[in-house]
Amino acid sequence: EYLQVSLITTGILLFNLGDSNAKKGKHDTAYGLVLIFLSLLLDAVTGGLQDRAKMQCAALNPKTPRAKPSMYEMMLVMNVSGSLVALGFAMFTGQLADGIAFCQRSPAVFHAILVYSLASAVGQNFVYYTVTEFSPLVLTTATSMRKIFSTLYSVLRNPDTPLTSLQWTACALACGGLALDTIGARQKNTKK
């Protein structure tokens, strides 16, 4: 599994680093890189917490084999905790009052936020189904590969934005990792 994850992660990293279409003259700021690092770190922490919640649920329900929280319970806990953190940051930075005032002045923005929230809730059903029925690692693999395939589709659809040789190599690495993951899963299923 570590080899598969390493191949996929390395592929995605090289794919992004090999982007020749990136805006020239723009440099990454330390602040932006720290935010990206924190996002990735918290993704890893969240996945570990979700796995721990599934294990604790099984431990707390010894009479129920394979007990685990439902996808809606996971969604509730994650969304409430995320909302509390966002609310805390908005209050700490003073952006809460400004944001509310802006939405009051611009009802179209408030409407767009509501539509986005509803679309996000629908999408979360698929995310949390994958987390509860499989694992956060499977979800990470699926979302990462979706990004790669979306990019490949856009390149094939519009040849004016070709990939560099490094990006093609990165795609091969990521797809190789996915292939190893699929082969490993099939071998586990045939042994059962």
N, C-alpha and C. Protein backbone atom coordinates (compact mmCIF):
# COMPACT_ATOMS: atom_id res chain seq x y z
N GLU A 1 0.82 -1.20 0.00
CA GLU A 1 0.00 0.00 0.00
C GLU A 1 0.86 1.26 0.00
N TYR A 2 1.98 1.23 0.76
CA TYR A 2 2.82 2.41 0.81
C TYR A 2 3.45 2.71 -0.55
N LEU A 3 3.81 1.66 -1.29
CA LEU A 3 4.36 1.85 -2.63
C LEU A 3 3.31 2.48 -3.54
N GLN A 4 2.08 2.00 -3.46
CA GLN A 4 1.00 2.53 -4.29
C GLN A 4 0.75 4.00 -3.97
N VAL A 5 0.66 4.32 -2.70
CA VAL A 5 0.42 5.71 -2.29
C VAL A 5 1.61 6.59 -2.70
N SER A 6 2.81 6.06 -2.54
CA SER A 6 4.00 6.83 -2.93
C SER A 6 4.01 7.12 -4.43
N LEU A 7 3.66 6.12 -5.23
CA LEU A 7 3.63 6.33 -6.69
C LEU A 7 2.60 7.38 -7.06
N ILE A 8 1.42 7.27 -6.49
CA ILE A 8 0.35 8.22 -6.82
C ILE A 8 0.73 9.62 -6.35
N THR A 9 1.23 9.74 -5.12
CA THR A 9 1.61 11.04 -4.59
C THR A 9 2.75 11.67 -5.39
N THR A 10 3.77 10.86 -5.69
CA THR A 10 4.90 11.36 -6.48
C THR A 10 4.43 11.79 -7.86
N GLY A 11 3.54 10.99 -8.46
CA GLY A 11 3.00 11.34 -9.77
C GLY A 11 2.28 12.68 -9.75
N ILE A 12 1.46 12.90 -8.74
CA ILE A 12 0.71 14.15 -8.65
C ILE A 12 1.65 15.33 -8.38
N LEU A 13 2.64 15.12 -7.51
CA LEU A 13 3.61 16.17 -7.22
C LEU A 13 4.38 16.55 -8.48
N LEU A 14 4.90 15.56 -9.20
CA LEU A 14 5.64 15.84 -10.43
C LEU A 14 4.75 16.47 -11.50
N PHE A 15 3.52 16.03 -11.55
CA PHE A 15 2.58 16.60 -12.52
C PHE A 15 2.42 18.10 -12.30
N ASN A 16 2.25 18.48 -11.05
CA ASN A 16 2.07 19.90 -10.73
C ASN A 16 3.37 20.70 -10.91
N LEU A 17 4.50 20.09 -10.59
CA LEU A 17 5.77 20.79 -10.74
C LEU A 17 6.16 20.94 -12.20
N GLY A 18 5.71 20.03 -13.05
CA GLY A 18 6.07 20.06 -14.46
C GLY A 18 5.16 20.89 -15.31
N ASP A 19 4.32 21.72 -14.72
CA ASP A 19 3.35 22.52 -15.46
C ASP A 19 4.04 23.67 -16.17
N SER A 20 4.18 23.55 -17.49
CA SER A 20 4.83 24.62 -18.26
C SER A 20 3.86 25.77 -18.55
N ASN A 21 2.58 25.54 -18.30
CA ASN A 21 1.58 26.58 -18.56
C ASN A 21 1.35 27.48 -17.35
N ALA A 22 2.12 27.27 -16.29
CA ALA A 22 1.96 28.09 -15.09
C ALA A 22 2.30 29.53 -15.43
N LYS A 23 1.71 30.43 -14.69
CA LYS A 23 1.92 31.86 -14.95
C LYS A 23 3.38 32.21 -14.70
N LYS A 24 4.01 32.78 -15.70
CA LYS A 24 5.41 33.16 -15.60
C LYS A 24 5.52 34.45 -14.78
N GLY A 25 6.60 34.55 -14.03
CA GLY A 25 6.85 35.75 -13.27
C GLY A 25 6.16 35.78 -11.91
N LYS A 26 5.29 34.83 -11.66
CA LYS A 26 4.61 34.77 -10.37
C LYS A 26 5.37 33.78 -9.48
N HIS A 27 5.64 34.18 -8.27
CA HIS A 27 6.37 33.33 -7.35
C HIS A 27 5.44 32.93 -6.21
N ASP A 28 5.66 31.73 -5.70
CA ASP A 28 4.89 31.28 -4.56
C ASP A 28 5.34 32.04 -3.32
N THR A 29 4.40 32.48 -2.53
CA THR A 29 4.76 33.17 -1.30
C THR A 29 4.87 32.15 -0.18
N ALA A 30 5.63 32.50 0.84
CA ALA A 30 5.78 31.61 1.99
C ALA A 30 4.42 31.38 2.65
N TYR A 31 3.61 32.42 2.70
CA TYR A 31 2.27 32.30 3.31
C TYR A 31 1.42 31.28 2.56
N GLY A 32 1.42 31.35 1.23
CA GLY A 32 0.65 30.40 0.42
C GLY A 32 1.15 28.98 0.59
N LEU A 33 2.47 28.80 0.62
CA LEU A 33 3.02 27.46 0.80
C LEU A 33 2.69 26.90 2.18
N VAL A 34 2.71 27.76 3.20
CA VAL A 34 2.33 27.32 4.55
C VAL A 34 0.86 26.89 4.57
N LEU A 35 0.00 27.65 3.90
CA LEU A 35 -1.42 27.28 3.86
C LEU A 35 -1.63 25.94 3.15
N ILE A 36 -0.91 25.72 2.06
CA ILE A 36 -1.02 24.43 1.35
C ILE A 36 -0.52 23.29 2.25
N PHE A 37 0.62 23.52 2.92
CA PHE A 37 1.15 22.51 3.83
C PHE A 37 0.15 22.19 4.94
N LEU A 38 -0.43 23.23 5.54
CA LEU A 38 -1.41 23.02 6.61
C LEU A 38 -2.64 22.27 6.10
N SER A 39 -3.07 22.58 4.89
CA SER A 39 -4.21 21.88 4.31
C SER A 39 -3.91 20.40 4.16
N LEU A 40 -2.74 20.07 3.62
CA LEU A 40 -2.36 18.66 3.46
C LEU A 40 -2.21 17.98 4.82
N LEU A 41 -1.60 18.68 5.77
CA LEU A 41 -1.42 18.12 7.11
C LEU A 41 -2.77 17.82 7.76
N LEU A 42 -3.69 18.77 7.66
CA LEU A 42 -5.01 18.57 8.27
C LEU A 42 -5.82 17.51 7.54
N ASP A 43 -5.61 17.34 6.23
CA ASP A 43 -6.23 16.23 5.51
C ASP A 43 -5.77 14.90 6.10
N ALA A 44 -4.47 14.81 6.37
CA ALA A 44 -3.93 13.57 6.95
C ALA A 44 -4.48 13.35 8.36
N VAL A 45 -4.54 14.41 9.15
CA VAL A 45 -5.07 14.31 10.52
C VAL A 45 -6.54 13.90 10.48
N THR A 46 -7.30 14.51 9.57
CA THR A 46 -8.73 14.20 9.47
C THR A 46 -8.94 12.73 9.11
N GLY A 47 -8.16 12.23 8.15
CA GLY A 47 -8.28 10.82 7.78
C GLY A 47 -7.99 9.90 8.95
N GLY A 48 -6.95 10.23 9.72
CA GLY A 48 -6.63 9.43 10.90
C GLY A 48 -7.72 9.48 11.95
N LEU A 49 -8.31 10.66 12.15
CA LEU A 49 -9.40 10.80 13.11
C LEU A 49 -10.63 10.02 12.67
N GLN A 50 -10.89 10.02 11.37
CA GLN A 50 -12.04 9.26 10.87
C GLN A 50 -11.83 7.76 11.06
N ASP A 51 -10.61 7.30 10.81
CA ASP A 51 -10.31 5.88 11.05
C ASP A 51 -10.45 5.55 12.53
N ARG A 52 -9.97 6.44 13.40
CA ARG A 52 -10.07 6.20 14.84
C ARG A 52 -11.53 6.18 15.29
N ALA A 53 -12.35 7.06 14.73
CA ALA A 53 -13.77 7.07 15.08
C ALA A 53 -14.44 5.75 14.70
N LYS A 54 -14.07 5.21 13.54
CA LYS A 54 -14.64 3.92 13.12
C LYS A 54 -14.22 2.80 14.08
N MET A 55 -12.94 2.81 14.52
CA MET A 55 -12.46 1.78 15.44
C MET A 55 -13.11 1.92 16.81
N GLN A 56 -13.25 3.16 17.30
CA GLN A 56 -13.86 3.37 18.61
C GLN A 56 -15.33 2.98 18.60
N CYS A 57 -16.00 3.22 17.49
CA CYS A 57 -17.40 2.82 17.38
C CYS A 57 -17.53 1.31 17.51
N ALA A 58 -16.62 0.59 16.87
CA ALA A 58 -16.64 -0.88 16.97
C ALA A 58 -16.33 -1.32 18.40
N ALA A 59 -15.39 -0.65 19.07
CA ALA A 59 -15.03 -1.00 20.44
C ALA A 59 -16.17 -0.70 21.42
N LEU A 60 -16.90 0.36 21.17
CA LEU A 60 -18.01 0.73 22.05
C LEU A 60 -19.26 -0.12 21.83
N ASN A 61 -19.31 -0.85 20.75
CA ASN A 61 -20.46 -1.70 20.42
C ASN A 61 -20.01 -3.14 20.20
N PRO A 62 -19.53 -3.80 21.27
CA PRO A 62 -18.98 -5.16 21.09
C PRO A 62 -20.02 -6.19 20.64
N LYS A 63 -21.30 -5.93 20.91
CA LYS A 63 -22.34 -6.89 20.52
C LYS A 63 -22.69 -6.80 19.04
N THR A 64 -22.29 -5.69 18.42
CA THR A 64 -22.60 -5.50 17.00
C THR A 64 -21.32 -5.69 16.19
N PRO A 65 -21.23 -6.81 15.48
CA PRO A 65 -20.02 -7.00 14.68
C PRO A 65 -19.92 -5.95 13.58
N ARG A 66 -18.73 -5.48 13.37
CA ARG A 66 -18.45 -4.47 12.33
C ARG A 66 -19.23 -3.18 12.53
N ALA A 67 -19.44 -2.80 13.78
CA ALA A 67 -20.13 -1.53 14.05
C ALA A 67 -19.27 -0.36 13.57
N LYS A 68 -19.92 0.60 12.98
CA LYS A 68 -19.21 1.81 12.53
C LYS A 68 -20.22 2.94 12.45
N PRO A 69 -19.74 4.17 12.57
CA PRO A 69 -20.67 5.30 12.46
C PRO A 69 -21.22 5.38 11.04
N SER A 70 -22.45 5.86 10.93
CA SER A 70 -23.03 6.01 9.59
C SER A 70 -22.38 7.20 8.89
N MET A 71 -22.58 7.25 7.58
CA MET A 71 -21.99 8.38 6.84
C MET A 71 -22.58 9.70 7.31
N TYR A 72 -23.84 9.70 7.73
CA TYR A 72 -24.46 10.94 8.19
C TYR A 72 -23.93 11.37 9.55
N GLU A 73 -23.62 10.40 10.41
CA GLU A 73 -23.00 10.73 11.70
C GLU A 73 -21.61 11.33 11.47
N MET A 74 -20.85 10.72 10.54
CA MET A 74 -19.51 11.25 10.22
C MET A 74 -19.64 12.67 9.64
N MET A 75 -20.60 12.87 8.74
CA MET A 75 -20.80 14.20 8.15
C MET A 75 -21.13 15.22 9.22
N LEU A 76 -22.02 14.86 10.14
CA LEU A 76 -22.42 15.78 11.19
C LEU A 76 -21.24 16.19 12.05
N VAL A 77 -20.47 15.22 12.51
CA VAL A 77 -19.33 15.52 13.39
C VAL A 77 -18.30 16.37 12.66
N MET A 78 -17.97 16.00 11.44
CA MET A 78 -16.95 16.74 10.69
C MET A 78 -17.44 18.17 10.34
N ASN A 79 -18.69 18.30 9.93
CA ASN A 79 -19.20 19.62 9.55
C ASN A 79 -19.36 20.54 10.76
N VAL A 80 -19.82 19.99 11.87
CA VAL A 80 -19.95 20.82 13.08
C VAL A 80 -18.58 21.27 13.56
N SER A 81 -17.62 20.33 13.61
CA SER A 81 -16.29 20.72 14.07
C SER A 81 -15.63 21.70 13.10
N GLY A 82 -15.79 21.47 11.80
CA GLY A 82 -15.24 22.41 10.81
C GLY A 82 -15.88 23.78 10.89
N SER A 83 -17.19 23.81 11.13
CA SER A 83 -17.90 25.09 11.27
C SER A 83 -17.44 25.85 12.50
N LEU A 84 -17.21 25.12 13.59
CA LEU A 84 -16.73 25.79 14.80
C LEU A 84 -15.34 26.38 14.60
N VAL A 85 -14.47 25.65 13.92
CA VAL A 85 -13.13 26.17 13.64
C VAL A 85 -13.22 27.39 12.73
N ALA A 86 -14.03 27.31 11.67
CA ALA A 86 -14.18 28.45 10.74
C ALA A 86 -14.78 29.65 11.46
N LEU A 87 -15.77 29.42 12.30
CA LEU A 87 -16.38 30.51 13.06
C LEU A 87 -15.35 31.16 13.99
N GLY A 88 -14.54 30.34 14.64
CA GLY A 88 -13.50 30.86 15.52
C GLY A 88 -12.50 31.73 14.76
N PHE A 89 -12.05 31.24 13.60
CA PHE A 89 -11.11 32.03 12.79
C PHE A 89 -11.75 33.32 12.28
N ALA A 90 -13.02 33.23 11.85
CA ALA A 90 -13.70 34.43 11.35
C ALA A 90 -13.86 35.47 12.45
N MET A 91 -14.14 35.02 13.66
CA MET A 91 -14.26 35.96 14.78
C MET A 91 -12.90 36.52 15.16
N PHE A 92 -11.89 35.67 15.17
CA PHE A 92 -10.53 36.08 15.57
C PHE A 92 -9.97 37.11 14.59
N THR A 93 -10.21 36.91 13.31
CA THR A 93 -9.66 37.83 12.29
C THR A 93 -10.56 39.03 12.04
N GLY A 94 -11.76 39.03 12.63
CA GLY A 94 -12.68 40.15 12.44
C GLY A 94 -13.43 40.11 11.12
N GLN A 95 -13.40 38.99 10.43
CA GLN A 95 -14.05 38.89 9.13
C GLN A 95 -15.51 38.46 9.21
N LEU A 96 -15.96 38.02 10.37
CA LEU A 96 -17.33 37.54 10.50
C LEU A 96 -18.33 38.67 10.26
N ALA A 97 -18.16 39.78 10.94
CA ALA A 97 -19.10 40.91 10.79
C ALA A 97 -19.04 41.46 9.37
N ASP A 98 -17.83 41.57 8.80
CA ASP A 98 -17.70 42.07 7.42
C ASP A 98 -18.40 41.14 6.44
N GLY A 99 -18.25 39.83 6.65
CA GLY A 99 -18.88 38.87 5.75
C GLY A 99 -20.40 38.93 5.81
N ILE A 100 -20.94 39.03 7.00
CA ILE A 100 -22.40 39.13 7.17
C ILE A 100 -22.91 40.42 6.53
N ALA A 101 -22.20 41.52 6.76
CA ALA A 101 -22.62 42.81 6.18
C ALA A 101 -22.57 42.76 4.65
N PHE A 102 -21.54 42.12 4.11
CA PHE A 102 -21.43 42.01 2.65
C PHE A 102 -22.58 41.19 2.07
N CYS A 103 -22.93 40.10 2.73
CA CYS A 103 -24.06 39.28 2.25
C CYS A 103 -25.38 40.04 2.34
N GLN A 104 -25.52 40.88 3.34
CA GLN A 104 -26.74 41.68 3.45
C GLN A 104 -26.82 42.73 2.34
N ARG A 105 -25.68 43.28 1.96
CA ARG A 105 -25.65 44.27 0.88
C ARG A 105 -25.78 43.61 -0.50
N SER A 106 -25.39 42.35 -0.61
CA SER A 106 -25.37 41.65 -1.91
C SER A 106 -26.14 40.34 -1.80
N PRO A 107 -27.45 40.40 -1.94
CA PRO A 107 -28.25 39.17 -1.83
C PRO A 107 -27.87 38.10 -2.86
N ALA A 108 -27.36 38.51 -4.02
CA ALA A 108 -26.95 37.53 -5.04
C ALA A 108 -25.79 36.67 -4.52
N VAL A 109 -24.90 37.28 -3.75
CA VAL A 109 -23.79 36.53 -3.17
C VAL A 109 -24.31 35.54 -2.14
N PHE A 110 -25.24 35.99 -1.32
CA PHE A 110 -25.82 35.10 -0.32
C PHE A 110 -26.52 33.92 -1.00
N HIS A 111 -27.23 34.19 -2.09
CA HIS A 111 -27.89 33.13 -2.85
C HIS A 111 -26.85 32.15 -3.41
N ALA A 112 -25.76 32.67 -3.94
CA ALA A 112 -24.70 31.80 -4.49
C ALA A 112 -24.08 30.94 -3.39
N ILE A 113 -23.93 31.50 -2.20
CA ILE A 113 -23.38 30.73 -1.08
C ILE A 113 -24.33 29.59 -0.71
N LEU A 114 -25.63 29.87 -0.71
CA LEU A 114 -26.62 28.82 -0.41
C LEU A 114 -26.59 27.70 -1.45
N VAL A 115 -26.52 28.07 -2.73
CA VAL A 115 -26.46 27.06 -3.80
C VAL A 115 -25.19 26.22 -3.67
N TYR A 116 -24.07 26.89 -3.41
CA TYR A 116 -22.81 26.18 -3.23
C TYR A 116 -22.90 25.23 -2.03
N SER A 117 -23.51 25.67 -0.95
CA SER A 117 -23.65 24.83 0.24
C SER A 117 -24.48 23.59 -0.04
N LEU A 118 -25.58 23.76 -0.79
CA LEU A 118 -26.41 22.61 -1.15
C LEU A 118 -25.66 21.63 -2.05
N ALA A 119 -24.93 22.17 -3.02
CA ALA A 119 -24.14 21.30 -3.90
C ALA A 119 -23.06 20.57 -3.11
N SER A 120 -22.46 21.26 -2.17
CA SER A 120 -21.44 20.65 -1.31
C SER A 120 -22.04 19.52 -0.47
N ALA A 121 -23.23 19.74 0.06
CA ALA A 121 -23.89 18.70 0.87
C ALA A 121 -24.17 17.46 0.04
N VAL A 122 -24.59 17.64 -1.21
CA VAL A 122 -24.83 16.49 -2.09
C VAL A 122 -23.52 15.76 -2.35
N GLY A 123 -22.47 16.51 -2.65
CA GLY A 123 -21.17 15.89 -2.91
C GLY A 123 -20.62 15.17 -1.70
N GLN A 124 -20.88 15.71 -0.52
CA GLN A 124 -20.39 15.07 0.71
C GLN A 124 -21.00 13.69 0.93
N ASN A 125 -22.18 13.46 0.41
CA ASN A 125 -22.76 12.12 0.53
C ASN A 125 -21.85 11.08 -0.10
N PHE A 126 -21.28 11.38 -1.26
CA PHE A 126 -20.38 10.45 -1.93
C PHE A 126 -19.06 10.32 -1.17
N VAL A 127 -18.56 11.44 -0.68
CA VAL A 127 -17.30 11.44 0.06
C VAL A 127 -17.43 10.59 1.32
N TYR A 128 -18.46 10.85 2.11
CA TYR A 128 -18.60 10.14 3.38
C TYR A 128 -19.04 8.70 3.19
N TYR A 129 -19.71 8.39 2.11
CA TYR A 129 -20.00 7.00 1.81
C TYR A 129 -18.69 6.24 1.60
N THR A 130 -17.77 6.85 0.85
CA THR A 130 -16.48 6.21 0.61
C THR A 130 -15.69 6.07 1.91
N VAL A 131 -15.70 7.11 2.74
CA VAL A 131 -14.96 7.05 4.00
C VAL A 131 -15.52 5.98 4.92
N THR A 132 -16.84 5.89 5.05
CA THR A 132 -17.42 4.94 5.99
C THR A 132 -17.40 3.51 5.46
N GLU A 133 -17.58 3.32 4.16
CA GLU A 133 -17.61 1.97 3.61
C GLU A 133 -16.23 1.43 3.28
N PHE A 134 -15.27 2.31 3.03
CA PHE A 134 -13.93 1.86 2.68
C PHE A 134 -12.94 2.48 3.67
N SER A 135 -12.22 3.51 3.25
CA SER A 135 -11.29 4.18 4.17
C SER A 135 -10.93 5.54 3.60
N PRO A 136 -10.37 6.41 4.45
CA PRO A 136 -9.93 7.71 3.94
C PRO A 136 -8.84 7.57 2.87
N LEU A 137 -8.02 6.51 2.95
CA LEU A 137 -6.99 6.29 1.94
C LEU A 137 -7.61 6.04 0.57
N VAL A 138 -8.68 5.26 0.53
CA VAL A 138 -9.37 5.01 -0.74
C VAL A 138 -9.94 6.31 -1.28
N LEU A 139 -10.51 7.13 -0.41
CA LEU A 139 -11.05 8.42 -0.84
C LEU A 139 -9.96 9.32 -1.40
N THR A 140 -8.83 9.39 -0.72
CA THR A 140 -7.72 10.22 -1.19
C THR A 140 -7.24 9.75 -2.55
N THR A 141 -7.12 8.43 -2.71
CA THR A 141 -6.69 7.88 -4.00
C THR A 141 -7.70 8.23 -5.08
N ALA A 142 -8.98 8.06 -4.79
CA ALA A 142 -10.02 8.34 -5.79
C ALA A 142 -10.05 9.81 -6.18
N THR A 143 -9.96 10.71 -5.21
CA THR A 143 -10.02 12.13 -5.55
C THR A 143 -8.76 12.59 -6.29
N SER A 144 -7.62 12.05 -5.90
CA SER A 144 -6.38 12.40 -6.59
C SER A 144 -6.41 11.92 -8.04
N MET A 145 -6.87 10.70 -8.24
CA MET A 145 -6.93 10.17 -9.61
C MET A 145 -7.99 10.91 -10.43
N ARG A 146 -9.06 11.34 -9.79
CA ARG A 146 -10.06 12.12 -10.52
C ARG A 146 -9.45 13.41 -11.05
N LYS A 147 -8.60 14.03 -10.25
CA LYS A 147 -7.94 15.26 -10.69
C LYS A 147 -7.03 14.98 -11.89
N ILE A 148 -6.27 13.89 -11.82
CA ILE A 148 -5.38 13.54 -12.93
C ILE A 148 -6.19 13.26 -14.19
N PHE A 149 -7.25 12.45 -14.08
CA PHE A 149 -8.06 12.11 -15.25
C PHE A 149 -8.79 13.32 -15.81
N SER A 150 -9.22 14.23 -14.94
CA SER A 150 -9.87 15.46 -15.42
C SER A 150 -8.89 16.29 -16.23
N THR A 151 -7.66 16.36 -15.76
CA THR A 151 -6.63 17.11 -16.49
C THR A 151 -6.32 16.45 -17.81
N LEU A 152 -6.18 15.12 -17.80
CA LEU A 152 -5.91 14.41 -19.05
C LEU A 152 -7.04 14.62 -20.05
N TYR A 153 -8.27 14.56 -19.57
CA TYR A 153 -9.41 14.77 -20.45
C TYR A 153 -9.37 16.17 -21.07
N SER A 154 -9.04 17.17 -20.25
CA SER A 154 -9.01 18.53 -20.78
C SER A 154 -7.88 18.69 -21.80
N VAL A 155 -6.78 17.98 -21.62
CA VAL A 155 -5.67 18.04 -22.58
C VAL A 155 -6.08 17.35 -23.89
N LEU A 156 -6.71 16.20 -23.76
CA LEU A 156 -7.12 15.47 -24.97
C LEU A 156 -8.22 16.23 -25.71
N ARG A 157 -9.06 16.91 -24.97
CA ARG A 157 -10.15 17.68 -25.57
C ARG A 157 -9.64 18.96 -26.22
N ASN A 158 -8.60 19.56 -25.65
CA ASN A 158 -8.04 20.81 -26.17
C ASN A 158 -6.53 20.65 -26.34
N PRO A 159 -6.08 20.20 -27.50
CA PRO A 159 -4.65 19.95 -27.71
C PRO A 159 -3.77 21.21 -27.68
N ASP A 160 -4.38 22.39 -27.56
CA ASP A 160 -3.59 23.62 -27.49
C ASP A 160 -2.85 23.75 -26.16
N THR A 161 -3.21 22.92 -25.17
CA THR A 161 -2.54 22.94 -23.88
C THR A 161 -1.88 21.58 -23.64
N PRO A 162 -0.77 21.30 -24.32
CA PRO A 162 -0.13 19.99 -24.20
C PRO A 162 0.57 19.81 -22.86
N LEU A 163 0.79 18.55 -22.51
CA LEU A 163 1.53 18.23 -21.29
C LEU A 163 3.02 18.13 -21.62
N THR A 164 3.85 18.42 -20.63
CA THR A 164 5.29 18.26 -20.80
C THR A 164 5.62 16.79 -20.63
N SER A 165 6.83 16.41 -20.99
CA SER A 165 7.23 15.00 -20.83
C SER A 165 7.26 14.62 -19.35
N LEU A 166 7.60 15.56 -18.47
CA LEU A 166 7.57 15.29 -17.03
C LEU A 166 6.15 15.00 -16.57
N GLN A 167 5.18 15.75 -17.10
CA GLN A 167 3.78 15.52 -16.72
C GLN A 167 3.28 14.17 -17.23
N TRP A 168 3.69 13.77 -18.44
CA TRP A 168 3.29 12.45 -18.93
C TRP A 168 3.90 11.35 -18.06
N THR A 169 5.16 11.54 -17.64
CA THR A 169 5.80 10.57 -16.74
C THR A 169 5.05 10.52 -15.41
N ALA A 170 4.66 11.69 -14.92
CA ALA A 170 3.91 11.76 -13.66
C ALA A 170 2.57 11.02 -13.78
N CYS A 171 1.90 11.19 -14.92
CA CYS A 171 0.63 10.47 -15.14
C CYS A 171 0.86 8.97 -15.14
N ALA A 172 1.95 8.53 -15.76
CA ALA A 172 2.26 7.10 -15.79
C ALA A 172 2.51 6.58 -14.38
N LEU A 173 3.24 7.35 -13.57
CA LEU A 173 3.47 6.95 -12.17
C LEU A 173 2.16 6.83 -11.40
N ALA A 174 1.33 7.85 -11.50
CA ALA A 174 0.06 7.86 -10.77
C ALA A 174 -0.84 6.71 -11.23
N CYS A 175 -0.92 6.51 -12.53
CA CYS A 175 -1.76 5.41 -13.05
C CYS A 175 -1.17 4.06 -12.67
N GLY A 176 0.17 3.97 -12.63
CA GLY A 176 0.81 2.74 -12.17
C GLY A 176 0.47 2.43 -10.72
N GLY A 177 0.48 3.46 -9.89
CA GLY A 177 0.09 3.28 -8.49
C GLY A 177 -1.35 2.84 -8.37
N LEU A 178 -2.23 3.43 -9.19
CA LEU A 178 -3.64 3.03 -9.18
C LEU A 178 -3.80 1.59 -9.65
N ALA A 179 -3.03 1.21 -10.67
CA ALA A 179 -3.10 -0.17 -11.18
C ALA A 179 -2.64 -1.16 -10.10
N LEU A 180 -1.56 -0.83 -9.40
CA LEU A 180 -1.10 -1.70 -8.30
C LEU A 180 -2.16 -1.81 -7.22
N ASP A 181 -2.82 -0.71 -6.92
CA ASP A 181 -3.88 -0.70 -5.92
C ASP A 181 -5.03 -1.62 -6.35
N THR A 182 -5.41 -1.53 -7.60
CA THR A 182 -6.51 -2.36 -8.13
C THR A 182 -6.12 -3.83 -8.12
N ILE A 183 -4.91 -4.14 -8.55
CA ILE A 183 -4.44 -5.53 -8.56
C ILE A 183 -4.39 -6.09 -7.15
N GLY A 184 -3.87 -5.28 -6.20
CA GLY A 184 -3.82 -5.71 -4.80
C GLY A 184 -5.19 -5.98 -4.22
N ALA A 185 -6.15 -5.13 -4.55
CA ALA A 185 -7.52 -5.32 -4.05
C ALA A 185 -8.14 -6.59 -4.63
N ARG A 186 -7.89 -6.85 -5.89
CA ARG A 186 -8.44 -8.07 -6.50
C ARG A 186 -7.81 -9.31 -5.90
N GLN A 187 -6.51 -9.28 -5.62
CA GLN A 187 -5.86 -10.42 -5.02
C GLN A 187 -6.39 -10.69 -3.63
N LYS A 188 -6.66 -9.62 -2.86
CA LYS A 188 -7.24 -9.80 -1.53
C LYS A 188 -8.63 -10.44 -1.63
N ASN A 189 -9.43 -9.99 -2.61
CA ASN A 189 -10.78 -10.54 -2.77
C ASN A 189 -10.76 -11.99 -3.21
N THR A 190 -9.81 -12.40 -4.05
CA THR A 190 -9.77 -13.78 -4.48
C THR A 190 -9.28 -14.70 -3.38
N LYS A 191 -8.50 -14.21 -2.43
CA LYS A 191 -8.02 -15.02 -1.30
C LYS A 191 -9.14 -15.29 -0.31
N LYS A 192 -10.17 -14.41 -0.28
CA LYS A 192 -11.28 -14.58 0.68
C LYS A 192 -12.20 -15.61 0.20
